[in-house]
């Protein structure tokens, strides 16, 4: 238990704030899963941190793509008939 707390503390201290969003929840879930899978809570926490960060990053990208699509749809609906839409900027 002491090792798990120490490892979790080190992980939290070493993370940058931007990376901590998905990592904290993933590390907590990974630590619990690792503990029940053979007392490997630290390994589970590290793996959970990596997986949680990756999932958060993918969700953020998906959200941005949906917002861009909504903006494009709104621009197309607002344009008067017969006008040419400008090409989307990347």
PDB file of N, CA and C in Angstrom:
ATOM      1  N   UNK A   1       0.818  -1.187   0.000  1.00  0.00           N
ATOM      2  CA  UNK A   1       0.000   0.000   0.000  1.00  0.00           C
ATOM      3  C   UNK A   1       0.867   1.257   0.000  1.00  0.00           C
ATOM      4  N   UNK A   2       1.942   1.199   0.750  1.00  0.00           N
ATOM      5  CA  UNK A   2       2.832   2.350   0.830  1.00  0.00           C
ATOM      6  C   UNK A   2       3.488   2.618  -0.525  1.00  0.00           C
ATOM      7  N   UNK A   3       3.868   1.538  -1.221  1.00  0.00           N
ATOM      8  CA  UNK A   3       4.488   1.703  -2.535  1.00  0.00           C
ATOM      9  C   UNK A   3       3.508   2.328  -3.520  1.00  0.00           C
ATOM     10  N   UNK A   4       2.248   1.908  -3.436  1.00  0.00           N
ATOM     11  CA  UNK A   4       1.247   2.444  -4.343  1.00  0.00           C
ATOM     12  C   UNK A   4       1.060   3.939  -4.102  1.00  0.00           C
ATOM     13  N   UNK A   5       0.982   4.342  -2.858  1.00  0.00           N
ATOM     14  CA  UNK A   5       0.828   5.765  -2.550  1.00  0.00           C
ATOM     15  C   UNK A   5       2.035   6.575  -2.990  1.00  0.00           C
ATOM     16  N   UNK A   6       3.202   6.019  -2.783  1.00  0.00           N
ATOM     17  CA  UNK A   6       4.420   6.704  -3.198  1.00  0.00           C
ATOM     18  C   UNK A   6       4.471   6.843  -4.715  1.00  0.00           C
ATOM     19  N   UNK A   7       4.174   5.759  -5.418  1.00  0.00           N
ATOM     20  CA  UNK A   7       4.197   5.801  -6.879  1.00  0.00           C
ATOM     21  C   UNK A   7       3.148   6.766  -7.415  1.00  0.00           C
ATOM     22  N   UNK A   8       1.962   6.745  -6.830  1.00  0.00           N
ATOM     23  CA  UNK A   8       0.916   7.665  -7.267  1.00  0.00           C
ATOM     24  C   UNK A   8       1.333   9.104  -7.027  1.00  0.00           C
ATOM     25  N   UNK A   9       1.936   9.361  -5.894  1.00  0.00           N
ATOM     26  CA  UNK A   9       2.422  10.711  -5.605  1.00  0.00           C
ATOM     27  C   UNK A   9       3.478  11.157  -6.591  1.00  0.00           C
ATOM     28  N   UNK A  10       4.400  10.260  -6.928  1.00  0.00           N
ATOM     29  CA  UNK A  10       5.441  10.609  -7.892  1.00  0.00           C
ATOM     30  C   UNK A  10       4.855  10.870  -9.273  1.00  0.00           C
ATOM     31  N   UNK A  11       3.877  10.076  -9.640  1.00  0.00           N
ATOM     32  CA  UNK A  11       3.237  10.277 -10.938  1.00  0.00           C
ATOM     33  C   UNK A  11       2.544  11.632 -10.969  1.00  0.00           C
ATOM     34  N   UNK A  12       1.824  11.945  -9.907  1.00  0.00           N
ATOM     35  CA  UNK A  12       1.100  13.215  -9.869  1.00  0.00           C
ATOM     36  C   UNK A  12       2.031  14.411  -9.894  1.00  0.00           C
ATOM     37  N   UNK A  13       3.140  14.301  -9.213  1.00  0.00           N
ATOM     38  CA  UNK A  13       4.098  15.412  -9.167  1.00  0.00           C
ATOM     39  C   UNK A  13       4.771  15.597 -10.513  1.00  0.00           C
ATOM     40  N   UNK A  14       5.057  14.496 -11.199  1.00  0.00           N
ATOM     41  CA  UNK A  14       5.811  14.589 -12.445  1.00  0.00           C
ATOM     42  C   UNK A  14       4.954  14.986 -13.639  1.00  0.00           C
ATOM     43  N   UNK A  15       3.654  14.957 -13.509  1.00  0.00           N
ATOM     44  CA  UNK A  15       2.784  15.270 -14.635  1.00  0.00           C
ATOM     45  C   UNK A  15       2.620  16.766 -14.810  1.00  0.00           C
ATOM     46  N   UNK A  16       2.517  17.159 -16.042  1.00  0.00           N
ATOM     47  CA  UNK A  16       2.158  18.541 -16.320  1.00  0.00           C
ATOM     48  C   UNK A  16       0.644  18.637 -16.232  1.00  0.00           C
ATOM     49  N   UNK A  17       0.135  19.793 -15.976  1.00  0.00           N
ATOM     50  CA  UNK A  17      -1.291  19.948 -15.777  1.00  0.00           C
ATOM     51  C   UNK A  17      -2.082  19.536 -17.024  1.00  0.00           C
ATOM     52  N   UNK A  18      -1.618  19.855 -18.193  1.00  0.00           N
ATOM     53  CA  UNK A  18      -2.341  19.519 -19.410  1.00  0.00           C
ATOM     54  C   UNK A  18      -2.435  18.018 -19.615  1.00  0.00           C
ATOM     55  N   UNK A  19      -1.477  17.283 -19.152  1.00  0.00           N
ATOM     56  CA  UNK A  19      -1.474  15.845 -19.337  1.00  0.00           C
ATOM     57  C   UNK A  19      -2.218  15.111 -18.236  1.00  0.00           C
ATOM     58  N   UNK A  20      -2.560  15.797 -17.182  1.00  0.00           N
ATOM     59  CA  UNK A  20      -3.138  15.133 -16.025  1.00  0.00           C
ATOM     60  C   UNK A  20      -4.613  14.814 -16.196  1.00  0.00           C
ATOM     61  N   UNK A  21      -5.274  15.386 -17.153  1.00  0.00           N
ATOM     62  CA  UNK A  21      -6.721  15.245 -17.253  1.00  0.00           C
ATOM     63  C   UNK A  21      -7.139  13.789 -17.393  1.00  0.00           C
ATOM     64  N   UNK A  22      -6.663  13.091 -18.383  1.00  0.00           N
ATOM     65  CA  UNK A  22      -7.039  11.695 -18.550  1.00  0.00           C
ATOM     66  C   UNK A  22      -6.222  10.764 -17.686  1.00  0.00           C
ATOM     67  N   UNK A  23      -5.048  11.218 -17.286  1.00  0.00           N
ATOM     68  CA  UNK A  23      -4.124  10.367 -16.554  1.00  0.00           C
ATOM     69  C   UNK A  23      -4.623  10.035 -15.152  1.00  0.00           C
ATOM     70  N   UNK A  24      -5.174  10.991 -14.461  1.00  0.00           N
ATOM     71  CA  UNK A  24      -5.582  10.762 -13.079  1.00  0.00           C
ATOM     72  C   UNK A  24      -6.673   9.713 -12.976  1.00  0.00           C
ATOM     73  N   UNK A  25      -7.689   9.817 -13.793  1.00  0.00           N
ATOM     74  CA  UNK A  25      -8.771   8.840 -13.726  1.00  0.00           C
ATOM     75  C   UNK A  25      -8.279   7.475 -14.211  1.00  0.00           C
ATOM     76  N   UNK A  26      -7.448   7.458 -15.251  1.00  0.00           N
ATOM     77  CA  UNK A  26      -6.898   6.195 -15.748  1.00  0.00           C
ATOM     78  C   UNK A  26      -5.981   5.532 -14.747  1.00  0.00           C
ATOM     79  N   UNK A  27      -5.178   6.337 -14.050  1.00  0.00           N
ATOM     80  CA  UNK A  27      -4.262   5.787 -13.052  1.00  0.00           C
ATOM     81  C   UNK A  27      -5.024   5.192 -11.881  1.00  0.00           C
ATOM     82  N   UNK A  28      -6.083   5.838 -11.464  1.00  0.00           N
ATOM     83  CA  UNK A  28      -6.886   5.306 -10.361  1.00  0.00           C
ATOM     84  C   UNK A  28      -7.512   3.977 -10.745  1.00  0.00           C
ATOM     85  N   UNK A  29      -8.101   3.914 -11.922  1.00  0.00           N
ATOM     86  CA  UNK A  29      -8.717   2.671 -12.377  1.00  0.00           C
ATOM     87  C   UNK A  29      -7.661   1.590 -12.599  1.00  0.00           C
ATOM     88  N   UNK A  30      -6.533   1.964 -13.166  1.00  0.00           N
ATOM     89  CA  UNK A  30      -5.460   0.996 -13.402  1.00  0.00           C
ATOM     90  C   UNK A  30      -4.861   0.465 -12.123  1.00  0.00           C
ATOM     91  N   UNK A  31      -4.751   1.304 -11.114  1.00  0.00           N
ATOM     92  CA  UNK A  31      -4.202   0.862  -9.830  1.00  0.00           C
ATOM     93  C   UNK A  31      -5.116  -0.164  -9.172  1.00  0.00           C
ATOM     94  N   UNK A  32      -6.396   0.084  -9.225  1.00  0.00           N
ATOM     95  CA  UNK A  32      -7.352  -0.875  -8.649  1.00  0.00           C
ATOM     96  C   UNK A  32      -7.314  -2.185  -9.422  1.00  0.00           C
ATOM     97  N   UNK A  33      -7.336  -2.094 -10.743  1.00  0.00           N
ATOM     98  CA  UNK A  33      -7.299  -3.304 -11.563  1.00  0.00           C
ATOM     99  C   UNK A  33      -5.987  -4.066 -11.351  1.00  0.00           C
ATOM    100  N   UNK A  34      -4.878  -3.347 -11.293  1.00  0.00           N
ATOM    101  CA  UNK A  34      -3.591  -3.995 -11.072  1.00  0.00           C
ATOM    102  C   UNK A  34      -3.493  -4.637  -9.708  1.00  0.00           C
ATOM    103  N   UNK A  35      -4.089  -4.013  -8.714  1.00  0.00           N
ATOM    104  CA  UNK A  35      -4.065  -4.577  -7.368  1.00  0.00           C
ATOM    105  C   UNK A  35      -4.804  -5.910  -7.342  1.00  0.00           C
ATOM    106  N   UNK A  36      -5.959  -5.960  -7.965  1.00  0.00           N
ATOM    107  CA  UNK A  36      -6.736  -7.192  -7.978  1.00  0.00           C
ATOM    108  C   UNK A  36      -6.171  -8.234  -8.930  1.00  0.00           C
ATOM    109  N   UNK A  37      -5.323  -7.831  -9.843  1.00  0.00           N
ATOM    110  CA  UNK A  37      -4.739  -8.763 -10.804  1.00  0.00           C
ATOM    111  C   UNK A  37      -3.397  -9.298 -10.334  1.00  0.00           C
ATOM    112  N   UNK A  38      -3.114  -9.221  -9.079  1.00  0.00           N
ATOM    113  CA  UNK A  38      -1.877  -9.815  -8.583  1.00  0.00           C
ATOM    114  C   UNK A  38      -0.962  -8.835  -7.896  1.00  0.00           C
ATOM    115  N   UNK A  39      -1.508  -7.860  -7.223  1.00  0.00           N
ATOM    116  CA  UNK A  39      -0.714  -6.887  -6.471  1.00  0.00           C
ATOM    117  C   UNK A  39       0.283  -6.130  -7.353  1.00  0.00           C
ATOM    118  N   UNK A  40      -0.202  -5.693  -8.491  1.00  0.00           N
ATOM    119  CA  UNK A  40       0.617  -4.897  -9.412  1.00  0.00           C
ATOM    120  C   UNK A  40      -0.021  -3.517  -9.581  1.00  0.00           C
ATOM    121  N   UNK A  41      -0.315  -2.878  -8.475  1.00  0.00           N
ATOM    122  CA  UNK A  41      -1.017  -1.598  -8.515  1.00  0.00           C
ATOM    123  C   UNK A  41      -0.203  -0.514  -9.202  1.00  0.00           C
ATOM    124  N   UNK A  42       1.092  -0.490  -8.984  1.00  0.00           N
ATOM    125  CA  UNK A  42       1.928   0.556  -9.580  1.00  0.00           C
ATOM    126  C   UNK A  42       1.971   0.396 -11.095  1.00  0.00           C
ATOM    127  N   UNK A  43       2.148  -0.822 -11.551  1.00  0.00           N
ATOM    128  CA  UNK A  43       2.162  -1.075 -12.992  1.00  0.00           C
ATOM    129  C   UNK A  43       0.806  -0.722 -13.593  1.00  0.00           C
ATOM    130  N   UNK A  44      -0.257  -1.084 -12.883  1.00  0.00           N
ATOM    131  CA  UNK A  44      -1.598  -0.756 -13.350  1.00  0.00           C
ATOM    132  C   UNK A  44      -1.827   0.740 -13.405  1.00  0.00           C
ATOM    133  N   UNK A  45      -1.313   1.460 -12.416  1.00  0.00           N
ATOM    134  CA  UNK A  45      -1.479   2.913 -12.397  1.00  0.00           C
ATOM    135  C   UNK A  45      -0.753   3.569 -13.565  1.00  0.00           C
ATOM    136  N   UNK A  46       0.436   3.117 -13.850  1.00  0.00           N
ATOM    137  CA  UNK A  46       1.191   3.681 -14.977  1.00  0.00           C
ATOM    138  C   UNK A  46       0.483   3.383 -16.296  1.00  0.00           C
ATOM    139  N   UNK A  47       0.063   2.137 -16.464  1.00  0.00           N
ATOM    140  CA  UNK A  47      -0.659   1.769 -17.684  1.00  0.00           C
ATOM    141  C   UNK A  47      -1.974   2.516 -17.812  1.00  0.00           C
ATOM    142  N   UNK A  48      -2.680   2.654 -16.703  1.00  0.00           N
ATOM    143  CA  UNK A  48      -3.939   3.381 -16.718  1.00  0.00           C
ATOM    144  C   UNK A  48      -3.747   4.847 -17.043  1.00  0.00           C
ATOM    145  N   UNK A  49      -2.666   5.411 -16.568  1.00  0.00           N
ATOM    146  CA  UNK A  49      -2.358   6.812 -16.855  1.00  0.00           C
ATOM    147  C   UNK A  49      -2.139   7.001 -18.358  1.00  0.00           C
ATOM    148  N   UNK A  50      -1.372   6.128 -18.931  1.00  0.00           N
ATOM    149  CA  UNK A  50      -1.091   6.215 -20.369  1.00  0.00           C
ATOM    150  C   UNK A  50      -2.374   6.037 -21.173  1.00  0.00           C
ATOM    151  N   UNK A  51      -3.157   5.020 -20.822  1.00  0.00           N
ATOM    152  CA  UNK A  51      -4.401   4.757 -21.551  1.00  0.00           C
ATOM    153  C   UNK A  51      -5.402   5.895 -21.364  1.00  0.00           C
ATOM    154  N   UNK A  52      -5.523   6.403 -20.155  1.00  0.00           N
ATOM    155  CA  UNK A  52      -6.454   7.495 -19.892  1.00  0.00           C
ATOM    156  C   UNK A  52      -6.093   8.758 -20.644  1.00  0.00           C
ATOM    157  N   UNK A  53      -4.814   9.063 -20.699  1.00  0.00           N
ATOM    158  CA  UNK A  53      -4.359  10.242 -21.440  1.00  0.00           C
ATOM    159  C   UNK A  53      -4.663  10.085 -22.927  1.00  0.00           C
ATOM    160  N   UNK A  54      -4.408   8.898 -23.462  1.00  0.00           N
ATOM    161  CA  UNK A  54      -4.661   8.642 -24.880  1.00  0.00           C
ATOM    162  C   UNK A  54      -6.150   8.774 -25.193  1.00  0.00           C
ATOM    163  N   UNK A  55      -7.000   8.196 -24.357  1.00  0.00           N
ATOM    164  CA  UNK A  55      -8.437   8.275 -24.588  1.00  0.00           C
ATOM    165  C   UNK A  55      -8.933   9.723 -24.519  1.00  0.00           C
ATOM    166  N   UNK A  56      -8.408  10.476 -23.584  1.00  0.00           N
ATOM    167  CA  UNK A  56      -8.807  11.881 -23.477  1.00  0.00           C
ATOM    168  C   UNK A  56      -8.403  12.650 -24.736  1.00  0.00           C
ATOM    169  N   UNK A  57      -7.217  12.376 -25.223  1.00  0.00           N
ATOM    170  CA  UNK A  57      -6.719  13.047 -26.435  1.00  0.00           C
ATOM    171  C   UNK A  57      -7.617  12.718 -27.635  1.00  0.00           C
ATOM    172  N   UNK A  58      -8.019  11.452 -27.750  1.00  0.00           N
ATOM    173  CA  UNK A  58      -8.873  11.040 -28.865  1.00  0.00           C
ATOM    174  C   UNK A  58     -10.261  11.690 -28.752  1.00  0.00           C
ATOM    175  N   UNK A  59     -10.806  11.773 -27.550  1.00  0.00           N
ATOM    176  CA  UNK A  59     -12.102  12.418 -27.353  1.00  0.00           C
ATOM    177  C   UNK A  59     -12.034  13.900 -27.710  1.00  0.00           C
ATOM    178  N   UNK A  60     -10.936  14.532 -27.352  1.00  0.00           N
ATOM    179  CA  UNK A  60     -10.772  15.950 -27.648  1.00  0.00           C
ATOM    180  C   UNK A  60     -10.712  16.181 -29.163  1.00  0.00           C
ATOM    181  N   UNK A  61      -9.985  15.325 -29.889  1.00  0.00           N
ATOM    182  CA  UNK A  61      -9.897  15.454 -31.338  1.00  0.00           C
ATOM    183  C   UNK A  61     -11.268  15.253 -31.985  1.00  0.00           C
ATOM    184  N   UNK A  62     -12.012  14.274 -31.498  1.00  0.00           N
ATOM    185  CA  UNK A  62     -13.340  13.997 -32.040  1.00  0.00           C
ATOM    186  C   UNK A  62     -14.264  15.189 -31.808  1.00  0.00           C
ATOM    187  N   UNK A  63     -14.203  15.763 -30.616  1.00  0.00           N
ATOM    188  CA  UNK A  63     -15.022  16.922 -30.292  1.00  0.00           C
ATOM    189  C   UNK A  63     -14.703  18.097 -31.214  1.00  0.00           C
ATOM    190  N   UNK A  64     -13.410  18.325 -31.473  1.00  0.00           N
ATOM    191  CA  UNK A  64     -13.007  19.420 -32.372  1.00  0.00           C
ATOM    192  C   UNK A  64     -13.509  19.198 -33.793  1.00  0.00           C
ATOM    193  N   UNK A  65     -13.443  17.959 -34.271  1.00  0.00           N
ATOM    194  CA  UNK A  65     -13.928  17.651 -35.613  1.00  0.00           C
ATOM    195  C   UNK A  65     -15.431  17.882 -35.716  1.00  0.00           C
ATOM    196  N   UNK A  66     -16.179  17.488 -34.689  1.00  0.00           N
ATOM    197  CA  UNK A  66     -17.624  17.708 -34.700  1.00  0.00           C
ATOM    198  C   UNK A  66     -17.954  19.191 -34.705  1.00  0.00           C
ATOM    199  N   UNK A  67     -17.195  19.981 -33.945  1.00  0.00           N
ATOM    200  CA  UNK A  67     -17.429  21.421 -33.924  1.00  0.00           C
ATOM    201  C   UNK A  67     -17.153  22.043 -35.288  1.00  0.00           C
ATOM    202  N   UNK A  68     -16.087  21.592 -35.948  1.00  0.00           N
ATOM    203  CA  UNK A  68     -15.770  22.109 -37.274  1.00  0.00           C
ATOM    204  C   UNK A  68     -16.864  21.756 -38.273  1.00  0.00           C
ATOM    205  N   UNK A  69     -17.396  20.541 -38.182  1.00  0.00           N
ATOM    206  CA  UNK A  69     -18.463  20.132 -39.090  1.00  0.00           C
ATOM    207  C   UNK A  69     -19.724  20.962 -38.848  1.00  0.00           C
ATOM    208  N   UNK A  70     -20.024  21.232 -37.596  1.00  0.00           N
ATOM    209  CA  UNK A  70     -21.199  22.051 -37.282  1.00  0.00           C
ATOM    210  C   UNK A  70     -21.039  23.464 -37.824  1.00  0.00           C
ATOM    211  N   UNK A  71     -19.839  24.028 -37.714  1.00  0.00           N
ATOM    212  CA  UNK A  71     -19.597  25.370 -38.244  1.00  0.00           C
ATOM    213  C   UNK A  71     -19.771  25.394 -39.758  1.00  0.00           C
ATOM    214  N   UNK A  72     -19.285  24.351 -40.426  1.00  0.00           N
ATOM    215  CA  UNK A  72     -19.423  24.284 -41.872  1.00  0.00           C
ATOM    216  C   UNK A  72     -20.892  24.181 -42.272  1.00  0.00           C
ATOM    217  N   UNK A  73     -21.652  23.380 -41.525  1.00  0.00           N
ATOM    218  CA  UNK A  73     -23.078  23.235 -41.816  1.00  0.00           C
ATOM    219  C   UNK A  73     -23.806  24.568 -41.602  1.00  0.00           C
ATOM    220  N   UNK A  74     -23.459  25.294 -40.553  1.00  0.00           N
ATOM    221  CA  UNK A  74     -24.088  26.584 -40.284  1.00  0.00           C
ATOM    222  C   UNK A  74     -23.746  27.590 -41.367  1.00  0.00           C
ATOM    223  N   UNK A  75     -22.495  27.578 -41.828  1.00  0.00           N
ATOM    224  CA  UNK A  75     -22.082  28.497 -42.895  1.00  0.00           C
ATOM    225  C   UNK A  75     -22.817  28.200 -44.188  1.00  0.00           C
ATOM    226  N   UNK A  76     -23.046  26.936 -44.493  1.00  0.00           N
ATOM    227  CA  UNK A  76     -23.747  26.560 -45.710  1.00  0.00           C
ATOM    228  C   UNK A  76     -25.220  26.955 -45.637  1.00  0.00           C
ATOM    229  N   UNK A  77     -25.799  26.854 -44.442  1.00  0.00           N
ATOM    230  CA  UNK A  77     -27.212  27.187 -44.291  1.00  0.00           C
ATOM    231  C   UNK A  77     -27.439  28.689 -44.319  1.00  0.00           C
ATOM    232  N   UNK A  78     -26.470  29.467 -43.894  1.00  0.00           N
ATOM    233  CA  UNK A  78     -26.622  30.911 -43.825  1.00  0.00           C
ATOM    234  C   UNK A  78     -26.375  31.596 -45.162  1.00  0.00           C
ATOM    235  N   UNK A  79     -25.694  30.946 -46.083  1.00  0.00           N
ATOM    236  CA  UNK A  79     -25.356  31.578 -47.359  1.00  0.00           C
ATOM    237  C   UNK A  79     -26.606  31.702 -48.229  1.00  0.00           C
ATOM    238  N   UNK A  80     -26.788  32.849 -48.890  1.00  0.00           N
ATOM    239  CA  UNK A  80     -27.931  33.004 -49.803  1.00  0.00           C
ATOM    240  C   UNK A  80     -27.791  32.067 -51.000  1.00  0.00           C
ATOM    241  N   UNK A  81     -28.903  31.716 -51.587  1.00  0.00           N
ATOM    242  CA  UNK A  81     -28.895  30.808 -52.736  1.00  0.00           C
ATOM    243  C   UNK A  81     -28.107  31.424 -53.891  1.00  0.00           C
ATOM    244  N   UNK A  82     -27.334  30.617 -54.575  1.00  0.00           N
ATOM    245  CA  UNK A  82     -26.580  31.062 -55.735  1.00  0.00           C
ATOM    246  C   UNK A  82     -25.212  31.629 -55.420  1.00  0.00           C
ATOM    247  N   UNK A  83     -24.824  31.680 -54.166  1.00  0.00           N
ATOM    248  CA  UNK A  83     -23.492  32.182 -53.828  1.00  0.00           C
ATOM    249  C   UNK A  83     -22.530  31.017 -53.680  1.00  0.00           C
ATOM    250  N   UNK A  84     -21.276  31.317 -53.879  1.00  0.00           N
ATOM    251  CA  UNK A  84     -20.232  30.308 -53.793  1.00  0.00           C
ATOM    252  C   UNK A  84     -19.607  30.369 -52.386  1.00  0.00           C
ATOM    253  N   UNK A  85     -19.502  29.228 -51.748  1.00  0.00           N
ATOM    254  CA  UNK A  85     -18.903  29.154 -50.421  1.00  0.00           C
ATOM    255  C   UNK A  85     -17.378  29.166 -50.532  1.00  0.00           C
ATOM    256  N   UNK A  86     -16.700  29.883 -49.650  1.00  0.00           N
ATOM    257  CA  UNK A  86     -15.226  29.824 -49.650  1.00  0.00           C
ATOM    258  C   UNK A  86     -14.758  28.447 -49.175  1.00  0.00           C
ATOM    259  N   UNK A  87     -13.604  28.079 -49.640  1.00  0.00           N
ATOM    260  CA  UNK A  87     -13.031  26.781 -49.245  1.00  0.00           C
ATOM    261  C   UNK A  87     -12.699  26.798 -47.761  1.00  0.00           C
ATOM    262  N   UNK A  88     -12.935  25.677 -47.058  1.00  0.00           N
ATOM    263  CA  UNK A  88     -12.613  25.642 -45.623  1.00  0.00           C
ATOM    264  C   UNK A  88     -11.117  25.789 -45.406  1.00  0.00           C
ATOM    265  N   UNK A  89     -10.764  26.571 -44.393  1.00  0.00           N
ATOM    266  CA  UNK A  89      -9.357  26.777 -44.078  1.00  0.00           C
ATOM    267  C   UNK A  89      -8.898  25.713 -43.114  1.00  0.00           C
ATOM    268  N   UNK A  90      -7.701  25.252 -43.294  1.00  0.00           N
ATOM    269  CA  UNK A  90      -7.156  24.181 -42.446  1.00  0.00           C
ATOM    270  C   UNK A  90      -6.210  24.737 -41.458  1.00  0.00           C
TER     271      UNK A  90
END
